[in-house]
N, C-alpha and C. Protein backbone atom coordinates (compact mmCIF):
# COMPACT_ATOMS: atom_id res chain seq x y z
N MET A 1 -110.84 93.35 1.82
CA MET A 1 -110.54 92.43 2.41
C MET A 1 -110.09 92.21 3.83
N ASP A 2 -111.35 93.26 4.74
CA ASP A 2 -111.67 93.10 5.58
C ASP A 2 -112.40 91.93 6.21
N TRP A 3 -112.73 91.00 5.84
CA TRP A 3 -114.26 90.65 6.05
C TRP A 3 -113.48 89.25 7.28
N ASN A 4 -114.17 89.01 8.67
CA ASN A 4 -113.70 88.11 9.42
C ASN A 4 -114.11 86.59 9.40
N PHE A 5 -113.82 85.92 9.48
CA PHE A 5 -114.00 84.26 9.55
C PHE A 5 -113.65 83.89 11.00
N LYS A 6 -115.14 82.47 11.20
CA LYS A 6 -114.40 81.76 11.88
C LYS A 6 -114.27 80.00 11.26
N VAL A 7 -112.90 79.71 11.23
CA VAL A 7 -112.35 78.81 10.29
C VAL A 7 -112.00 77.86 10.87
N ARG A 8 -112.22 76.50 10.31
CA ARG A 8 -111.84 74.69 10.24
C ARG A 8 -110.97 74.27 9.49
N VAL A 9 -109.78 74.17 9.35
CA VAL A 9 -108.77 74.22 8.65
C VAL A 9 -108.89 72.32 8.04
N VAL A 10 -109.80 71.93 7.33
CA VAL A 10 -110.57 70.19 6.83
C VAL A 10 -108.99 69.84 5.88
N ARG A 11 -108.06 70.56 6.09
CA ARG A 11 -107.28 69.98 4.78
C ARG A 11 -106.53 71.30 4.45
N MET A 12 -105.17 70.13 4.68
CA MET A 12 -104.02 71.31 4.83
C MET A 12 -102.94 70.90 4.21
N TRP A 13 -102.06 71.48 3.02
CA TRP A 13 -100.88 70.49 2.02
C TRP A 13 -99.68 71.66 1.74
N HIS A 14 -98.66 70.93 1.51
CA HIS A 14 -97.15 71.65 1.04
C HIS A 14 -97.67 71.22 -0.78
N ALA A 15 -97.89 72.87 -1.40
CA ALA A 15 -97.40 72.95 -2.88
C ALA A 15 -96.00 72.92 -2.85
N THR A 16 -95.65 71.88 -3.84
CA THR A 16 -93.70 72.23 -4.33
C THR A 16 -94.77 71.38 -5.99
N PRO A 17 -92.98 71.51 -6.96
CA PRO A 17 -92.73 71.65 -7.78
C PRO A 17 -92.88 69.72 -7.97
N ARG A 18 -93.20 69.52 -9.09
CA ARG A 18 -93.09 68.16 -9.16
C ARG A 18 -91.88 67.59 -9.44
N ASP A 19 -90.86 68.26 -10.06
CA ASP A 19 -89.90 68.08 -10.13
C ASP A 19 -88.94 68.48 -9.21
N LYS A 20 -89.42 69.57 -7.70
CA LYS A 20 -88.58 70.14 -6.77
C LYS A 20 -89.22 69.93 -5.58
N PRO A 21 -88.74 68.13 -5.66
CA PRO A 21 -89.91 68.56 -4.35
C PRO A 21 -89.79 68.89 -2.57
N ASN A 22 -88.72 69.64 -2.39
CA ASN A 22 -88.06 70.41 -1.85
C ASN A 22 -88.38 71.76 -2.05
N PHE A 23 -88.98 72.19 -2.76
CA PHE A 23 -89.34 73.83 -3.20
C PHE A 23 -90.74 73.41 -2.99
N LEU A 24 -90.69 75.10 -1.57
CA LEU A 24 -91.70 74.99 -0.94
C LEU A 24 -92.84 76.05 -1.74
N LEU A 25 -93.74 76.49 -2.56
CA LEU A 25 -94.41 76.96 -3.56
C LEU A 25 -95.41 78.22 -2.45
N SER A 26 -95.70 76.93 -1.52
CA SER A 26 -97.38 78.24 -1.00
C SER A 26 -97.84 76.34 0.12
N ILE A 27 -98.39 77.53 0.51
CA ILE A 27 -99.23 75.97 1.64
C ILE A 27 -100.57 76.22 1.30
N GLU A 28 -101.44 75.26 1.18
CA GLU A 28 -102.65 75.20 0.72
C GLU A 28 -103.56 74.75 1.96
N LEU A 29 -104.64 75.51 1.70
CA LEU A 29 -105.31 75.52 2.74
C LEU A 29 -107.15 75.22 2.06
N VAL A 30 -107.96 74.10 2.89
CA VAL A 30 -109.06 74.05 2.40
C VAL A 30 -110.06 75.06 4.01
N LEU A 31 -111.03 75.50 3.97
CA LEU A 31 -111.65 76.09 5.35
C LEU A 31 -112.59 75.79 4.86
N GLN A 32 -113.09 75.72 6.66
CA GLN A 32 -115.23 75.79 6.07
C GLN A 32 -115.15 75.99 7.72
N ASP A 33 -116.49 76.80 6.77
CA ASP A 33 -117.49 77.99 8.22
C ASP A 33 -118.35 76.60 9.00
N GLU A 34 -118.82 77.93 9.72
CA GLU A 34 -119.83 77.15 10.99
C GLU A 34 -120.89 76.49 9.71
N LYS A 35 -121.53 76.63 8.85
CA LYS A 35 -122.25 76.46 8.27
C LYS A 35 -122.18 75.42 7.14
N GLY A 36 -120.53 74.65 7.22
CA GLY A 36 -120.06 73.77 7.17
C GLY A 36 -120.17 73.98 5.33
N GLU A 37 -119.71 75.42 5.02
CA GLU A 37 -119.61 75.40 3.48
C GLU A 37 -117.95 75.08 3.29
N LYS A 38 -117.49 75.45 2.48
CA LYS A 38 -115.93 75.52 2.35
C LYS A 38 -115.24 76.78 0.91
N ILE A 39 -114.44 77.18 1.16
CA ILE A 39 -113.41 77.89 0.13
C ILE A 39 -111.93 77.40 0.07
N HIS A 40 -111.36 77.76 -0.64
CA HIS A 40 -109.88 76.92 -0.92
C HIS A 40 -109.03 78.60 -0.21
N ALA A 41 -108.00 78.86 0.37
CA ALA A 41 -106.87 79.32 1.07
C ALA A 41 -105.78 79.45 0.64
N THR A 42 -104.76 79.84 0.38
CA THR A 42 -103.70 80.49 -0.40
C THR A 42 -102.35 80.87 0.33
N ILE A 43 -101.46 80.35 1.04
CA ILE A 43 -100.60 80.97 1.87
C ILE A 43 -99.49 81.16 0.35
N PRO A 44 -98.91 82.36 0.43
CA PRO A 44 -97.66 82.14 -0.47
C PRO A 44 -96.60 81.74 -0.29
N ARG A 45 -95.67 82.04 -0.82
CA ARG A 45 -93.91 81.37 -0.13
C ARG A 45 -93.66 82.28 0.86
N PHE A 46 -93.52 84.07 0.07
CA PHE A 46 -93.09 85.18 0.94
C PHE A 46 -93.72 85.26 2.12
N VAL A 47 -95.15 84.79 2.50
CA VAL A 47 -95.60 84.99 3.71
C VAL A 47 -95.77 83.97 4.69
N VAL A 48 -94.95 83.28 4.17
CA VAL A 48 -95.01 80.98 4.61
C VAL A 48 -94.32 81.21 6.12
N HIS A 49 -93.11 82.47 5.73
CA HIS A 49 -92.50 82.15 7.13
C HIS A 49 -93.69 82.51 8.68
N ARG A 50 -95.19 83.26 8.58
CA ARG A 50 -95.36 83.55 9.28
C ARG A 50 -96.63 82.77 9.25
N PHE A 51 -96.89 81.90 9.36
CA PHE A 51 -97.96 81.20 9.77
C PHE A 51 -97.48 79.16 9.99
N ARG A 52 -95.22 79.93 10.21
CA ARG A 52 -95.11 78.50 10.92
C ARG A 52 -94.51 78.58 11.78
N GLY A 53 -94.41 78.84 12.36
CA GLY A 53 -93.52 79.53 13.98
C GLY A 53 -94.43 78.36 15.30
N GLU A 54 -93.82 78.20 16.16
CA GLU A 54 -94.63 77.76 17.06
C GLU A 54 -95.91 78.63 18.06
N LYS A 55 -95.78 79.85 17.15
CA LYS A 55 -96.60 80.55 17.75
C LYS A 55 -97.66 80.70 16.74
N ASN A 56 -97.50 81.08 16.09
CA ASN A 56 -98.55 81.29 14.93
C ASN A 56 -98.50 80.39 13.94
N ALA A 57 -98.28 79.00 14.31
CA ALA A 57 -98.00 77.87 13.10
C ALA A 57 -99.56 78.06 12.99
N ILE A 58 -100.24 77.07 11.94
CA ILE A 58 -101.74 76.47 11.39
C ILE A 58 -101.60 75.71 11.63
N LYS A 59 -102.79 74.49 11.67
CA LYS A 59 -103.17 73.64 11.96
C LYS A 59 -104.00 72.42 11.34
N GLU A 60 -103.81 71.79 10.48
CA GLU A 60 -104.80 70.76 9.74
C GLU A 60 -105.75 69.94 11.36
N MET A 61 -106.73 70.67 10.91
CA MET A 61 -108.15 70.64 11.60
C MET A 61 -108.40 71.55 13.44
N GLY A 62 -107.20 72.57 13.36
CA GLY A 62 -107.38 73.63 14.27
C GLY A 62 -108.59 74.70 14.01
N LEU A 63 -109.12 75.34 14.89
CA LEU A 63 -109.74 76.04 14.60
C LEU A 63 -109.48 77.76 15.05
N TYR A 64 -109.72 78.81 13.31
CA TYR A 64 -109.31 79.84 13.59
C TYR A 64 -109.74 80.91 13.79
N LEU A 65 -109.63 82.21 13.86
CA LEU A 65 -110.31 83.19 13.52
C LEU A 65 -109.59 84.30 12.60
N MET A 66 -109.94 84.19 11.48
CA MET A 66 -108.93 84.88 10.24
C MET A 66 -109.24 86.18 10.09
N ASN A 67 -108.69 87.63 9.45
CA ASN A 67 -109.35 87.99 9.07
C ASN A 67 -108.23 89.23 7.95
N THR A 68 -108.67 89.70 7.10
CA THR A 68 -107.76 90.66 6.71
C THR A 68 -106.43 89.68 4.95
N PHE A 69 -107.83 89.52 4.33
CA PHE A 69 -107.29 88.10 3.45
C PHE A 69 -107.50 89.26 1.85
N VAL A 70 -106.73 89.11 0.73
CA VAL A 70 -107.20 89.19 -0.58
C VAL A 70 -108.45 88.11 -1.27
N VAL A 71 -108.72 88.62 -1.33
CA VAL A 71 -110.17 87.70 -2.39
C VAL A 71 -110.23 87.14 -3.82
N GLU A 72 -110.00 86.15 -4.60
CA GLU A 72 -109.81 86.76 -6.09
C GLU A 72 -110.56 85.69 -5.93
N PRO A 73 -110.60 85.08 -8.20
CA PRO A 73 -111.98 84.27 -8.40
C PRO A 73 -110.91 82.75 -8.23
N ASN A 74 -111.25 81.72 -8.18
CA ASN A 74 -110.57 80.48 -8.32
C ASN A 74 -109.94 80.30 -9.46
N ASN A 75 -109.41 80.27 -10.15
CA ASN A 75 -109.08 79.69 -11.42
C ASN A 75 -107.86 78.81 -10.68
N MET A 76 -107.95 78.23 -10.36
CA MET A 76 -107.14 76.90 -9.89
C MET A 76 -107.14 76.06 -10.91
N HIS A 77 -106.49 75.10 -11.60
CA HIS A 77 -107.20 74.11 -12.54
C HIS A 77 -107.80 73.31 -12.03
N TYR A 78 -107.37 72.46 -11.16
CA TYR A 78 -108.09 71.41 -9.92
C TYR A 78 -108.40 71.92 -8.40
N LYS A 79 -110.02 72.12 -8.91
CA LYS A 79 -111.25 73.02 -7.74
C LYS A 79 -110.96 71.82 -6.31
N THR A 80 -110.36 72.33 -5.07
CA THR A 80 -111.46 71.33 -4.16
C THR A 80 -112.22 72.11 -3.69
N THR A 81 -112.85 72.98 -4.38
CA THR A 81 -114.59 73.52 -3.88
C THR A 81 -114.84 74.19 -4.92
N ALA A 82 -115.92 74.17 -4.90
CA ALA A 82 -117.16 74.57 -6.06
C ALA A 82 -117.21 76.45 -5.54
N GLN A 83 -116.94 76.71 -4.41
CA GLN A 83 -116.71 78.17 -4.60
C GLN A 83 -116.19 78.83 -5.60
N LYS A 84 -116.42 79.83 -6.25
CA LYS A 84 -116.29 80.59 -7.41
C LYS A 84 -114.87 81.59 -7.34
N PHE A 85 -114.61 81.71 -5.64
CA PHE A 85 -113.27 82.50 -4.98
C PHE A 85 -113.01 81.47 -4.55
N LYS A 86 -111.56 82.39 -3.88
CA LYS A 86 -110.65 81.85 -3.07
C LYS A 86 -109.53 82.84 -2.50
N LEU A 87 -109.32 82.77 -1.08
CA LEU A 87 -108.80 83.33 -0.83
C LEU A 87 -107.17 83.60 -0.59
N GLU A 88 -106.89 84.55 -0.71
CA GLU A 88 -105.37 84.20 -0.75
C GLU A 88 -104.55 85.10 0.16
N LEU A 89 -103.86 84.93 1.99
CA LEU A 89 -103.29 84.78 3.12
C LEU A 89 -102.16 86.58 2.47
N THR A 90 -102.08 87.36 3.08
CA THR A 90 -101.02 88.35 2.84
C THR A 90 -100.03 88.98 4.33
N PRO A 91 -99.34 89.64 3.92
CA PRO A 91 -98.27 90.12 5.69
C PRO A 91 -99.75 91.01 6.26
N LYS A 92 -100.49 91.24 5.99
CA LYS A 92 -101.08 91.41 7.08
C LYS A 92 -102.48 90.61 7.82
N THR A 93 -102.73 89.58 7.23
CA THR A 93 -103.46 88.43 7.51
C THR A 93 -103.49 88.26 9.43
N ILE A 94 -104.38 88.03 9.92
CA ILE A 94 -104.14 87.82 11.33
C ILE A 94 -104.78 86.82 11.96
N VAL A 95 -104.22 85.54 12.66
CA VAL A 95 -105.18 84.22 12.13
C VAL A 95 -104.61 83.99 14.09
N VAL A 96 -105.70 83.65 15.04
CA VAL A 96 -105.62 83.46 16.31
C VAL A 96 -107.03 82.17 15.75
N GLU A 97 -105.99 81.33 17.20
CA GLU A 97 -106.51 79.90 17.21
C GLU A 97 -107.25 80.34 18.66
N THR A 98 -109.30 79.42 18.08
CA THR A 98 -110.07 79.10 18.85
C THR A 98 -110.17 78.00 19.10
N THR A 99 -111.31 78.18 19.92
CA THR A 99 -112.49 76.94 20.78
C THR A 99 -113.54 77.76 20.22
N ASP A 100 -114.40 76.13 19.95
CA ASP A 100 -115.76 76.13 20.31
C ASP A 100 -116.71 75.00 19.88
N PRO A 101 -116.62 74.46 20.98
CA PRO A 101 -117.28 73.19 20.72
C PRO A 101 -118.80 72.93 19.95
N ALA A 102 -119.55 73.89 19.56
CA ALA A 102 -120.32 74.03 18.28
C ALA A 102 -120.19 74.17 17.30
N PHE A 103 -119.17 73.75 17.16
CA PHE A 103 -118.87 74.45 15.65
C PHE A 103 -118.44 73.15 15.25
N GLY A 104 -119.30 72.91 13.93
CA GLY A 104 -119.07 71.70 13.61
C GLY A 104 -118.34 71.26 12.95
N LEU A 105 -117.89 69.71 12.24
CA LEU A 105 -117.27 69.29 11.44
C LEU A 105 -117.90 68.93 10.13
N ASN A 106 -117.14 69.08 8.86
CA ASN A 106 -118.32 68.98 7.64
C ASN A 106 -116.59 68.47 6.95
N ILE A 107 -115.38 67.29 6.84
CA ILE A 107 -114.71 67.48 6.06
C ILE A 107 -114.48 66.73 4.98
N PHE A 108 -115.64 65.83 4.62
CA PHE A 108 -115.76 65.10 3.62
C PHE A 108 -116.59 65.88 1.91
N ASN A 109 -116.13 65.48 0.70
CA ASN A 109 -117.33 65.53 -0.49
C ASN A 109 -117.42 64.80 -1.12
N PHE A 110 -118.54 63.52 -0.42
CA PHE A 110 -118.81 62.32 -1.45
C PHE A 110 -119.07 62.04 -2.13
N ARG A 111 -118.56 61.30 -3.63
CA ARG A 111 -119.80 61.53 -5.03
C ARG A 111 -119.82 59.51 -4.38
N LEU A 112 -121.10 60.11 -5.47
CA LEU A 112 -121.94 58.35 -5.10
C LEU A 112 -120.98 57.79 -6.29
N PHE A 113 -120.49 56.68 -6.97
CA PHE A 113 -120.22 55.43 -7.51
C PHE A 113 -121.26 55.71 -9.04
N ASN A 114 -122.69 55.81 -8.92
CA ASN A 114 -123.52 55.89 -9.63
C ASN A 114 -123.11 56.51 -10.31
N ASP A 115 -123.45 58.24 -10.44
CA ASP A 115 -123.19 59.36 -10.41
C ASP A 115 -121.69 58.92 -11.16
N LEU A 116 -121.09 58.74 -11.36
CA LEU A 116 -119.95 58.55 -11.94
C LEU A 116 -119.60 58.08 -12.64
N LYS A 117 -120.26 56.34 -12.81
CA LYS A 117 -120.24 55.28 -14.06
C LYS A 117 -120.94 55.62 -14.70
N ASN A 118 -122.18 56.39 -14.46
CA ASN A 118 -123.40 57.00 -16.07
C ASN A 118 -122.68 58.31 -15.93
N HIS A 119 -121.69 58.76 -15.51
CA HIS A 119 -120.88 60.18 -16.59
C HIS A 119 -121.53 60.91 -15.98
N ILE A 120 -122.46 61.12 -15.17
CA ILE A 120 -123.51 62.28 -14.26
C ILE A 120 -122.55 63.28 -13.64
N ASP A 121 -122.48 64.64 -14.74
CA ASP A 121 -121.72 65.17 -13.67
C ASP A 121 -120.25 65.67 -14.11
N ILE A 122 -119.40 64.58 -14.75
CA ILE A 122 -117.50 64.33 -14.40
C ILE A 122 -117.20 65.83 -14.78
N ASP A 123 -116.29 66.33 -14.25
CA ASP A 123 -116.01 67.67 -14.64
C ASP A 123 -114.43 66.88 -13.49
N ASP A 124 -113.48 66.60 -14.65
CA ASP A 124 -112.63 66.54 -14.23
C ASP A 124 -111.03 67.23 -13.92
N THR A 125 -111.86 68.64 -13.78
CA THR A 125 -111.21 69.70 -12.82
C THR A 125 -112.09 70.83 -11.27
N GLN A 126 -112.47 69.67 -10.76
CA GLN A 126 -113.50 69.18 -9.68
C GLN A 126 -113.00 68.24 -8.72
N LEU A 127 -112.49 68.74 -7.63
CA LEU A 127 -112.11 67.38 -6.95
C LEU A 127 -113.13 66.91 -5.08
N PHE A 128 -113.00 65.58 -5.37
CA PHE A 128 -114.46 64.71 -4.84
C PHE A 128 -113.63 64.02 -3.60
N ASP A 129 -114.51 63.61 -2.43
CA ASP A 129 -114.02 62.01 -2.31
C ASP A 129 -114.76 60.88 -2.34
N VAL A 130 -113.88 60.41 -2.16
CA VAL A 130 -115.25 58.41 -2.24
C VAL A 130 -114.48 57.61 -1.35
N ILE A 131 -115.47 56.48 -0.64
CA ILE A 131 -115.60 55.96 0.23
C ILE A 131 -116.35 54.17 -0.30
N GLY A 132 -114.78 53.30 -0.26
CA GLY A 132 -115.55 52.07 -0.62
C GLY A 132 -114.65 51.21 -0.11
N GLN A 133 -115.31 49.87 -0.36
CA GLN A 133 -113.94 48.53 0.06
C GLN A 133 -112.70 48.18 -1.39
N VAL A 134 -111.73 48.08 -1.16
CA VAL A 134 -110.68 47.48 -1.73
C VAL A 134 -111.78 45.45 -2.67
N VAL A 135 -111.91 45.32 -3.93
CA VAL A 135 -112.27 44.28 -3.87
C VAL A 135 -111.51 43.36 -4.81
N CYS A 136 -110.58 44.15 -6.06
CA CYS A 136 -109.16 44.12 -6.05
C CYS A 136 -108.37 44.64 -6.71
N HIS A 137 -107.64 44.00 -6.93
CA HIS A 137 -106.29 45.39 -7.69
C HIS A 137 -105.92 44.45 -8.44
N ALA A 138 -104.70 45.22 -9.38
CA ALA A 138 -103.70 45.12 -10.41
C ALA A 138 -102.35 44.87 -10.11
N GLU A 139 -101.67 44.59 -10.38
CA GLU A 139 -100.07 44.71 -10.15
C GLU A 139 -99.57 46.63 -10.50
N LYS A 140 -98.44 46.57 -9.61
CA LYS A 140 -97.58 47.49 -9.54
C LYS A 140 -97.50 47.92 -10.55
N GLN A 141 -97.74 49.13 -11.87
CA GLN A 141 -96.43 49.27 -12.75
C GLN A 141 -95.80 50.41 -12.91
N THR A 142 -95.29 51.51 -13.54
CA THR A 142 -94.48 52.20 -14.20
C THR A 142 -94.98 53.12 -14.81
N HIS A 143 -95.12 54.14 -14.98
CA HIS A 143 -95.30 55.32 -16.25
C HIS A 143 -94.11 56.56 -16.10
N LYS A 144 -93.81 56.42 -17.84
CA LYS A 144 -92.97 57.36 -18.03
C LYS A 144 -94.14 58.66 -18.06
N LEU A 145 -93.40 60.05 -17.63
CA LEU A 145 -94.32 61.18 -16.61
C LEU A 145 -93.74 62.28 -18.59
N ARG A 146 -94.26 63.64 -18.54
CA ARG A 146 -93.50 64.17 -19.45
C ARG A 146 -92.76 64.66 -19.01
N ASN A 147 -92.62 64.99 -17.65
CA ASN A 147 -90.56 65.25 -17.95
C ASN A 147 -89.86 64.99 -17.88
N GLY A 148 -89.69 64.00 -18.46
CA GLY A 148 -88.95 62.30 -17.91
C GLY A 148 -89.31 61.73 -17.38
N THR A 149 -89.57 62.06 -15.81
CA THR A 149 -88.74 60.92 -14.64
C THR A 149 -90.12 59.75 -14.77
N THR A 150 -90.23 58.75 -13.96
CA THR A 150 -91.05 57.97 -14.17
C THR A 150 -91.81 57.53 -12.72
N SER A 151 -93.10 57.73 -12.56
CA SER A 151 -94.08 57.43 -11.03
C SER A 151 -94.62 55.73 -10.86
N GLN A 152 -94.62 55.15 -9.86
CA GLN A 152 -95.25 54.49 -9.88
C GLN A 152 -96.54 54.03 -9.96
N PHE A 153 -97.71 53.96 -10.36
CA PHE A 153 -99.41 53.72 -10.30
C PHE A 153 -100.09 52.71 -9.86
N LEU A 154 -101.07 52.67 -8.87
CA LEU A 154 -101.26 51.67 -9.01
C LEU A 154 -103.06 50.96 -9.11
N ASN A 155 -103.79 50.36 -10.15
CA ASN A 155 -105.19 50.01 -9.74
C ASN A 155 -106.10 49.60 -9.12
N VAL A 156 -106.62 49.55 -7.95
CA VAL A 156 -107.64 49.19 -7.19
C VAL A 156 -108.79 49.25 -7.82
N VAL A 157 -110.44 47.89 -7.80
CA VAL A 157 -111.47 48.13 -8.31
C VAL A 157 -112.05 48.37 -6.82
N ILE A 158 -112.80 49.52 -6.43
CA ILE A 158 -113.48 49.17 -4.88
C ILE A 158 -115.29 49.35 -4.60
N GLU A 159 -115.22 49.09 -3.95
CA GLU A 159 -116.99 48.98 -3.94
C GLU A 159 -117.93 49.44 -2.72
N ASP A 160 -118.69 50.50 -3.49
CA ASP A 160 -119.65 51.50 -2.42
C ASP A 160 -121.06 50.24 -1.87
N ASP A 161 -121.74 50.64 -1.23
CA ASP A 161 -122.68 49.97 -0.03
C ASP A 161 -123.37 49.60 -0.34
N GLU A 162 -124.02 49.90 -2.55
CA GLU A 162 -124.84 49.48 -3.45
C GLU A 162 -124.29 48.53 -3.97
N ARG A 163 -123.24 48.21 -4.13
CA ARG A 163 -122.55 47.61 -4.55
C ARG A 163 -122.36 47.89 -5.79
N LYS A 164 -121.95 49.19 -6.44
CA LYS A 164 -121.35 50.01 -7.21
C LYS A 164 -119.93 49.86 -7.00
N THR A 165 -119.07 49.53 -8.37
CA THR A 165 -117.64 49.46 -8.48
C THR A 165 -117.30 50.29 -9.55
N ILE A 166 -116.00 51.05 -8.76
CA ILE A 166 -115.63 51.91 -9.57
C ILE A 166 -113.69 51.51 -10.11
N THR A 167 -112.60 51.52 -10.64
CA THR A 167 -111.40 51.61 -10.41
C THR A 167 -110.84 52.97 -10.38
N ALA A 168 -109.76 52.68 -9.17
CA ALA A 168 -109.43 54.32 -8.25
C ALA A 168 -108.07 53.40 -9.28
N THR A 169 -107.13 54.97 -9.31
CA THR A 169 -105.92 54.67 -9.59
C THR A 169 -104.90 55.62 -8.69
N PHE A 170 -103.75 54.74 -7.96
CA PHE A 170 -103.38 54.84 -6.76
C PHE A 170 -102.12 56.06 -7.28
N TRP A 171 -101.49 56.98 -7.38
CA TRP A 171 -99.78 57.32 -8.00
C TRP A 171 -99.02 57.89 -6.73
N GLY A 172 -97.64 57.60 -7.64
CA GLY A 172 -96.53 57.78 -6.56
C GLY A 172 -96.84 57.61 -5.56
N GLU A 173 -96.89 58.18 -4.38
CA GLU A 173 -96.32 57.65 -2.47
C GLU A 173 -97.62 57.02 -2.72
N PHE A 174 -98.88 57.36 -3.26
CA PHE A 174 -99.64 56.87 -2.32
C PHE A 174 -99.81 55.27 -2.77
N VAL A 175 -98.88 54.40 -3.71
CA VAL A 175 -99.19 52.56 -3.54
C VAL A 175 -98.41 52.59 -2.61
N ASP A 176 -97.65 52.85 -2.22
CA ASP A 176 -96.61 52.28 -0.82
C ASP A 176 -97.44 52.48 0.26
N LYS A 177 -98.39 53.25 0.26
CA LYS A 177 -98.87 53.64 1.50
C LYS A 177 -100.19 52.75 1.04
N ILE A 178 -100.91 52.11 0.37
CA ILE A 178 -101.64 51.23 -0.13
C ILE A 178 -101.16 49.82 0.20
N MET A 179 -100.58 49.90 -0.20
CA MET A 179 -99.86 48.11 -1.10
C MET A 179 -100.05 47.27 0.15
N PRO A 180 -99.34 47.11 1.47
CA PRO A 180 -99.41 46.70 2.68
C PRO A 180 -100.33 46.54 3.39
N HIS A 181 -101.71 46.80 2.87
CA HIS A 181 -102.86 46.80 3.45
C HIS A 181 -103.89 45.32 2.58
N LEU A 182 -103.04 45.21 1.19
CA LEU A 182 -104.19 44.22 0.13
C LEU A 182 -103.47 43.19 -0.18
N HIS A 183 -102.89 42.89 1.29
CA HIS A 183 -102.61 41.02 0.60
C HIS A 183 -103.31 40.03 0.84
N ASN A 184 -104.24 40.72 2.25
CA ASN A 184 -105.59 39.37 1.33
C ASN A 184 -106.90 40.07 2.10
N LEU A 185 -106.88 40.27 0.38
CA LEU A 185 -108.44 41.45 0.59
C LEU A 185 -109.69 39.89 1.73
N ILE A 186 -109.66 38.91 1.31
CA ILE A 186 -111.20 37.72 2.07
C ILE A 186 -110.75 37.96 3.50
N ASP A 187 -110.12 37.72 4.02
CA ASP A 187 -109.80 37.67 5.81
C ASP A 187 -109.36 39.13 5.57
N GLU A 188 -109.09 40.06 5.63
CA GLU A 188 -108.77 41.04 5.88
C GLU A 188 -109.58 42.22 5.00
N PRO A 189 -110.43 42.60 5.07
CA PRO A 189 -111.24 43.26 3.91
C PRO A 189 -110.72 45.14 4.64
N VAL A 190 -110.52 45.48 3.59
CA VAL A 190 -109.56 47.06 3.29
C VAL A 190 -110.84 48.33 2.84
N ILE A 191 -111.54 49.16 3.53
CA ILE A 191 -111.92 49.81 3.14
C ILE A 191 -111.28 51.76 2.25
N VAL A 192 -111.61 52.04 1.58
CA VAL A 192 -110.44 53.28 1.48
C VAL A 192 -111.49 54.54 2.02
N VAL A 193 -110.80 55.13 1.52
CA VAL A 193 -111.37 56.02 1.50
C VAL A 193 -110.28 57.68 1.45
N MET A 194 -110.59 58.14 -0.06
CA MET A 194 -109.96 58.39 -0.69
C MET A 194 -110.77 60.38 -1.23
N GLN A 195 -109.36 61.04 -0.66
CA GLN A 195 -109.70 62.96 -0.42
C GLN A 195 -109.06 63.44 -1.38
N LEU A 196 -109.80 64.36 -1.97
CA LEU A 196 -109.23 65.32 -2.97
C LEU A 196 -109.44 64.39 -4.44
N ILE A 197 -109.93 63.46 -4.97
CA ILE A 197 -109.41 62.99 -6.21
C ILE A 197 -109.84 63.85 -7.24
N ARG A 198 -109.95 63.08 -8.34
CA ARG A 198 -110.86 63.62 -9.67
C ARG A 198 -111.15 62.86 -10.48
N ALA A 199 -111.62 62.54 -11.18
CA ALA A 199 -112.56 61.31 -11.81
C ALA A 199 -112.19 62.24 -13.34
N HIS A 200 -112.28 61.38 -14.06
CA HIS A 200 -112.04 61.23 -15.58
C HIS A 200 -112.21 60.22 -16.73
N LYS A 201 -112.68 60.75 -17.78
CA LYS A 201 -113.17 59.06 -18.85
C LYS A 201 -112.08 59.07 -19.88
N PHE A 202 -112.15 57.44 -20.16
CA PHE A 202 -111.31 56.71 -20.81
C PHE A 202 -111.75 56.05 -21.85
N GLN A 203 -112.17 56.09 -22.64
CA GLN A 203 -112.37 54.51 -24.15
C GLN A 203 -113.77 54.42 -23.20
N GLY A 204 -114.79 55.38 -23.03
CA GLY A 204 -116.15 55.52 -22.45
C GLY A 204 -116.65 54.98 -21.09
N TRP A 205 -114.95 55.12 -20.33
CA TRP A 205 -115.14 54.29 -18.64
C TRP A 205 -114.82 55.56 -17.94
N ALA A 206 -115.54 55.26 -16.73
CA ALA A 206 -115.48 56.80 -15.77
C ALA A 206 -114.26 56.23 -14.57
N PHE A 207 -113.29 56.51 -14.08
CA PHE A 207 -112.29 56.39 -13.85
C PHE A 207 -111.82 57.35 -12.95
N VAL A 208 -111.38 57.36 -11.71
CA VAL A 208 -110.89 58.25 -10.33
C VAL A 208 -109.69 58.04 -9.94
N ASP A 209 -108.38 59.08 -9.74
CA ASP A 209 -107.02 58.85 -9.18
C ASP A 209 -106.76 59.73 -8.13
N SER A 210 -105.48 59.52 -8.15
CA SER A 210 -104.87 60.42 -7.07
C SER A 210 -104.53 61.95 -7.85
N CYS A 211 -104.46 62.29 -7.11
CA CYS A 211 -103.71 63.85 -7.73
C CYS A 211 -102.51 64.41 -6.54
N LYS A 212 -101.94 65.08 -7.29
CA LYS A 212 -100.93 65.41 -6.16
C LYS A 212 -100.86 66.13 -5.36
N ASN A 213 -100.20 66.08 -4.02
CA ASN A 213 -100.43 65.73 -2.50
C ASN A 213 -101.97 66.01 -2.17
N ASN A 214 -102.89 64.67 -2.83
CA ASN A 214 -104.26 64.63 -2.12
C ASN A 214 -103.70 63.36 -0.97
N GLU A 215 -104.82 62.92 -0.34
CA GLU A 215 -104.62 61.94 0.51
C GLU A 215 -105.63 61.38 0.49
N PHE A 216 -105.31 59.78 0.83
CA PHE A 216 -106.61 59.09 1.42
C PHE A 216 -106.38 58.30 2.61
N GLY A 217 -106.93 57.62 3.31
CA GLY A 217 -106.46 56.83 4.51
C GLY A 217 -107.58 55.31 3.72
N THR A 218 -107.27 54.18 4.78
CA THR A 218 -107.47 53.30 4.99
C THR A 218 -107.75 52.76 7.08
């Protein structure tokens, strides 16, 4: 618990139940060290208040000195890093914002389309990033979830710089974020970066799709 880290928060989001979007379970972080390596960290609900105030707030892309953690096995169903361990912040954790112009920035973990299409090392529990140009898309559709609610989704085909393509599925609020950019793909090319997504296989084909609480940019 006495380890000391200088880390950048390269991803940060609020974890909530699917059926209770306003109920905060935890704040989840992906931390990067000076060598570019990453580890997942969790701020449990009962200590969130310590890191949300104006003075002690943790911000995405902020650089911090942190110490006093609980180190535990990374048993998350969807893993944001390849680390076998994760960190949990406690009431004794100390976080101090700092500056270091020499500290590197390594946000993305891009996967090659060719690896995904050839089913090389496809693990639907390991999250990663992709970048590509949208070449076509289907119509927006609705899917009924197990809890009885519905969610909208949209399939798009994205192409990398080697002209390899893969189908990507956007779910929920991500559909509304990307739809305004898809009206005229010929005259206005759309480059999309999908972060912390997952791959899966269906009927012999590989797809990628967005997970709850992940992000994408255009």
